[in-house]
């Protein structure tokens, strides 16, 4: 079973961010080879934090040595070589990790892409969840292409258009 815990901070607007995050996490899991986590007998938890650019910049600086805000950060809590063995867990609960979204960067990117804030936040949560599962688009073009393919598949189940499609004006 998957459990998604959310925290929504200012300046994110009111909305059902809990339901959005839960749908995005579930869609990403089900599109991945680790889809069985969503229905496992143990509880897998993901934390999604909607926060400010300033907080994300601090995290990005402290953990990635990049002193600037970014759209999404992921902090995996399960070692990649342990993911396949989670089904044998008798702990009852496994924390997969944390996903943190920056409002300003996310909303600016949504506007640039002619997407709603909700659609782009969903994409970023899907992207972040795939990072928690070990995908890394910075490890080469093949890995980036595979990660994008999984993102497209997950988003399609949520009726969200391909975020990587080239749109001509």
Protein backbone atom coordinates (compact mmCIF):
# COMPACT_ATOMS: atom_id res chain seq x y z
CA UNK A 1 0.00 0.00 0.00
CA UNK A 2 1.19 3.50 -0.71
CA UNK A 3 0.67 6.40 1.68
CA UNK A 4 1.41 9.98 0.67
CA UNK A 5 1.90 12.61 3.35
CA UNK A 6 1.77 16.24 2.24
CA UNK A 7 2.68 19.60 3.73
CA UNK A 8 1.55 22.74 1.95
CA UNK A 9 3.29 25.99 2.83
CA UNK A 10 2.82 29.58 1.76
CA UNK A 11 2.84 30.73 -1.06
CA UNK A 12 1.06 27.68 -2.54
CA UNK A 13 -2.62 28.47 -3.12
CA UNK A 14 -5.46 26.54 -1.56
CA UNK A 15 -6.30 23.33 -3.35
CA UNK A 16 -6.50 19.60 -2.90
CA UNK A 17 -2.75 19.08 -3.04
CA UNK A 18 -3.06 15.87 -1.01
CA UNK A 19 -5.24 14.21 -3.67
CA UNK A 20 -3.03 15.56 -6.48
CA UNK A 21 0.14 14.24 -4.83
CA UNK A 22 -1.44 10.85 -4.13
CA UNK A 23 -2.60 10.46 -7.75
CA UNK A 24 0.82 11.51 -9.09
CA UNK A 25 2.77 9.15 -6.80
CA UNK A 26 0.47 6.23 -7.59
CA UNK A 27 0.66 6.90 -11.36
CA UNK A 28 4.46 7.09 -11.28
CA UNK A 29 4.74 3.89 -9.26
CA UNK A 30 2.37 2.02 -11.55
CA UNK A 31 4.24 3.19 -14.67
CA UNK A 32 7.52 1.95 -13.23
CA UNK A 33 8.81 -1.59 -12.75
CA UNK A 34 8.10 -1.05 -9.03
CA UNK A 35 4.34 -0.81 -9.44
CA UNK A 36 3.84 -3.63 -6.95
CA UNK A 37 4.80 -1.22 -4.15
CA UNK A 38 1.43 0.53 -4.62
CA UNK A 39 -0.44 -2.64 -3.62
CA UNK A 40 2.10 -4.31 -1.33
CA UNK A 41 1.15 -5.71 2.07
CA UNK A 42 3.47 -3.22 3.76
CA UNK A 43 2.95 0.54 3.71
CA UNK A 44 5.34 2.56 1.59
CA UNK A 45 5.30 6.25 2.46
CA UNK A 46 6.26 9.25 0.37
CA UNK A 47 6.35 12.76 1.75
CA UNK A 48 5.54 15.62 -0.62
CA UNK A 49 6.24 19.17 0.53
CA UNK A 50 4.91 22.17 -1.37
CA UNK A 51 7.01 25.13 -0.27
CA UNK A 52 8.78 28.34 -1.26
CA UNK A 53 11.66 28.94 -3.63
CA UNK A 54 13.70 30.13 -0.64
CA UNK A 55 13.33 26.85 1.24
CA UNK A 56 14.15 24.82 -1.88
CA UNK A 57 17.17 27.03 -2.55
CA UNK A 58 18.44 26.33 0.98
CA UNK A 59 17.96 22.58 0.53
CA UNK A 60 19.55 22.68 -2.92
CA UNK A 61 22.54 24.58 -1.52
CA UNK A 62 22.95 22.37 1.54
CA UNK A 63 22.46 18.99 -0.15
CA UNK A 64 23.50 19.55 -3.77
CA UNK A 65 25.91 22.49 -3.45
CA UNK A 66 23.80 24.49 -5.94
CA UNK A 67 22.84 27.84 -4.42
CA UNK A 68 19.69 28.46 -6.45
CA UNK A 69 16.07 27.38 -6.36
CA UNK A 70 14.96 24.51 -8.57
CA UNK A 71 11.54 23.12 -9.38
CA UNK A 72 11.73 19.81 -7.49
CA UNK A 73 14.13 17.98 -5.20
CA UNK A 74 13.98 14.32 -4.23
CA UNK A 75 15.53 12.74 -1.18
CA UNK A 76 15.48 8.92 -1.41
CA UNK A 77 15.39 6.99 1.86
CA UNK A 78 15.74 3.47 0.43
CA UNK A 79 18.98 2.30 -1.11
CA UNK A 80 18.45 1.39 -4.75
CA UNK A 81 19.67 -2.17 -4.29
CA UNK A 82 17.03 -2.63 -1.57
CA UNK A 83 14.00 -1.62 -3.70
CA UNK A 84 13.46 -5.08 -5.17
CA UNK A 85 13.54 -6.65 -1.73
CA UNK A 86 10.86 -4.42 -0.23
CA UNK A 87 8.19 -7.04 -0.84
CA UNK A 88 9.91 -9.18 1.79
CA UNK A 89 9.84 -6.38 4.36
CA UNK A 90 8.31 -7.25 7.69
CA UNK A 91 8.70 -3.74 9.06
CA UNK A 92 5.14 -2.84 8.14
CA UNK A 93 6.21 0.57 6.85
CA UNK A 94 8.94 1.80 4.54
CA UNK A 95 9.74 5.46 3.90
CA UNK A 96 10.61 5.75 0.20
CA UNK A 97 11.62 9.39 0.56
CA UNK A 98 10.74 13.05 0.29
CA UNK A 99 9.79 15.20 -2.69
CA UNK A 100 9.95 19.00 -2.34
CA UNK A 101 8.44 21.47 -4.85
CA UNK A 102 9.22 25.20 -5.10
CA UNK A 103 6.21 27.38 -5.81
CA UNK A 104 7.83 30.21 -7.78
CA UNK A 105 9.87 28.00 -10.08
CA UNK A 106 6.97 25.59 -10.58
CA UNK A 107 4.44 28.30 -11.36
CA UNK A 108 6.82 30.11 -13.75
CA UNK A 109 7.55 26.88 -15.61
CA UNK A 110 3.83 26.07 -15.80
CA UNK A 111 3.17 29.44 -17.42
CA UNK A 112 6.04 28.93 -19.89
CA UNK A 113 4.62 25.53 -20.85
CA UNK A 114 1.01 26.79 -21.04
CA UNK A 115 0.13 24.23 -18.38
CA UNK A 116 -1.87 24.73 -15.21
CA UNK A 117 -0.03 24.85 -11.91
CA UNK A 118 -1.71 21.56 -10.98
CA UNK A 119 -0.62 19.83 -14.19
CA UNK A 120 2.98 20.93 -13.84
CA UNK A 121 3.09 20.09 -10.12
CA UNK A 122 1.76 16.63 -11.00
CA UNK A 123 4.52 16.20 -13.58
CA UNK A 124 7.16 17.27 -11.06
CA UNK A 125 5.86 14.83 -8.44
CA UNK A 126 5.94 12.01 -11.01
CA UNK A 127 9.49 13.08 -11.91
CA UNK A 128 10.48 13.25 -8.24
CA UNK A 129 9.02 9.83 -7.45
CA UNK A 130 11.01 8.29 -10.29
CA UNK A 131 14.13 9.80 -8.71
CA UNK A 132 13.16 8.09 -5.43
CA UNK A 133 13.08 4.84 -7.41
CA UNK A 134 16.60 5.37 -8.71
CA UNK A 135 16.04 6.99 -12.09
CA UNK A 136 18.51 9.74 -12.91
CA UNK A 137 18.27 11.79 -16.10
CA UNK A 138 21.76 13.17 -15.47
CA UNK A 139 23.36 9.73 -16.03
CA UNK A 140 23.20 9.86 -19.81
CA UNK A 141 20.80 10.24 -22.68
CA UNK A 142 19.47 6.67 -22.57
CA UNK A 143 18.58 6.98 -18.88
CA UNK A 144 16.99 10.41 -19.49
CA UNK A 145 14.94 9.02 -22.40
CA UNK A 146 13.75 6.08 -20.30
CA UNK A 147 12.79 8.35 -17.42
CA UNK A 148 10.86 10.65 -19.78
CA UNK A 149 9.07 7.62 -21.25
CA UNK A 150 7.93 6.57 -17.78
CA UNK A 151 6.82 10.13 -17.01
CA UNK A 152 4.77 10.27 -20.22
CA UNK A 153 3.13 6.93 -19.41
CA UNK A 154 2.26 8.01 -15.86
CA UNK A 155 0.92 11.39 -16.94
CA UNK A 156 -1.15 9.84 -19.74
CA UNK A 157 -3.05 7.80 -17.13
CA UNK A 158 -3.93 11.14 -15.51
CA UNK A 159 -4.97 12.73 -18.81
CA UNK A 160 -2.05 15.16 -18.74
CA UNK A 161 -0.40 15.97 -22.06
CA UNK A 162 3.18 14.97 -22.85
CA UNK A 163 5.30 17.65 -21.14
CA UNK A 164 8.18 16.94 -23.51
CA UNK A 165 6.25 17.36 -26.75
CA UNK A 166 7.50 20.21 -28.88
CA UNK A 167 4.75 22.78 -29.12
CA UNK A 168 4.84 25.17 -32.02
CA UNK A 169 3.16 28.54 -31.71
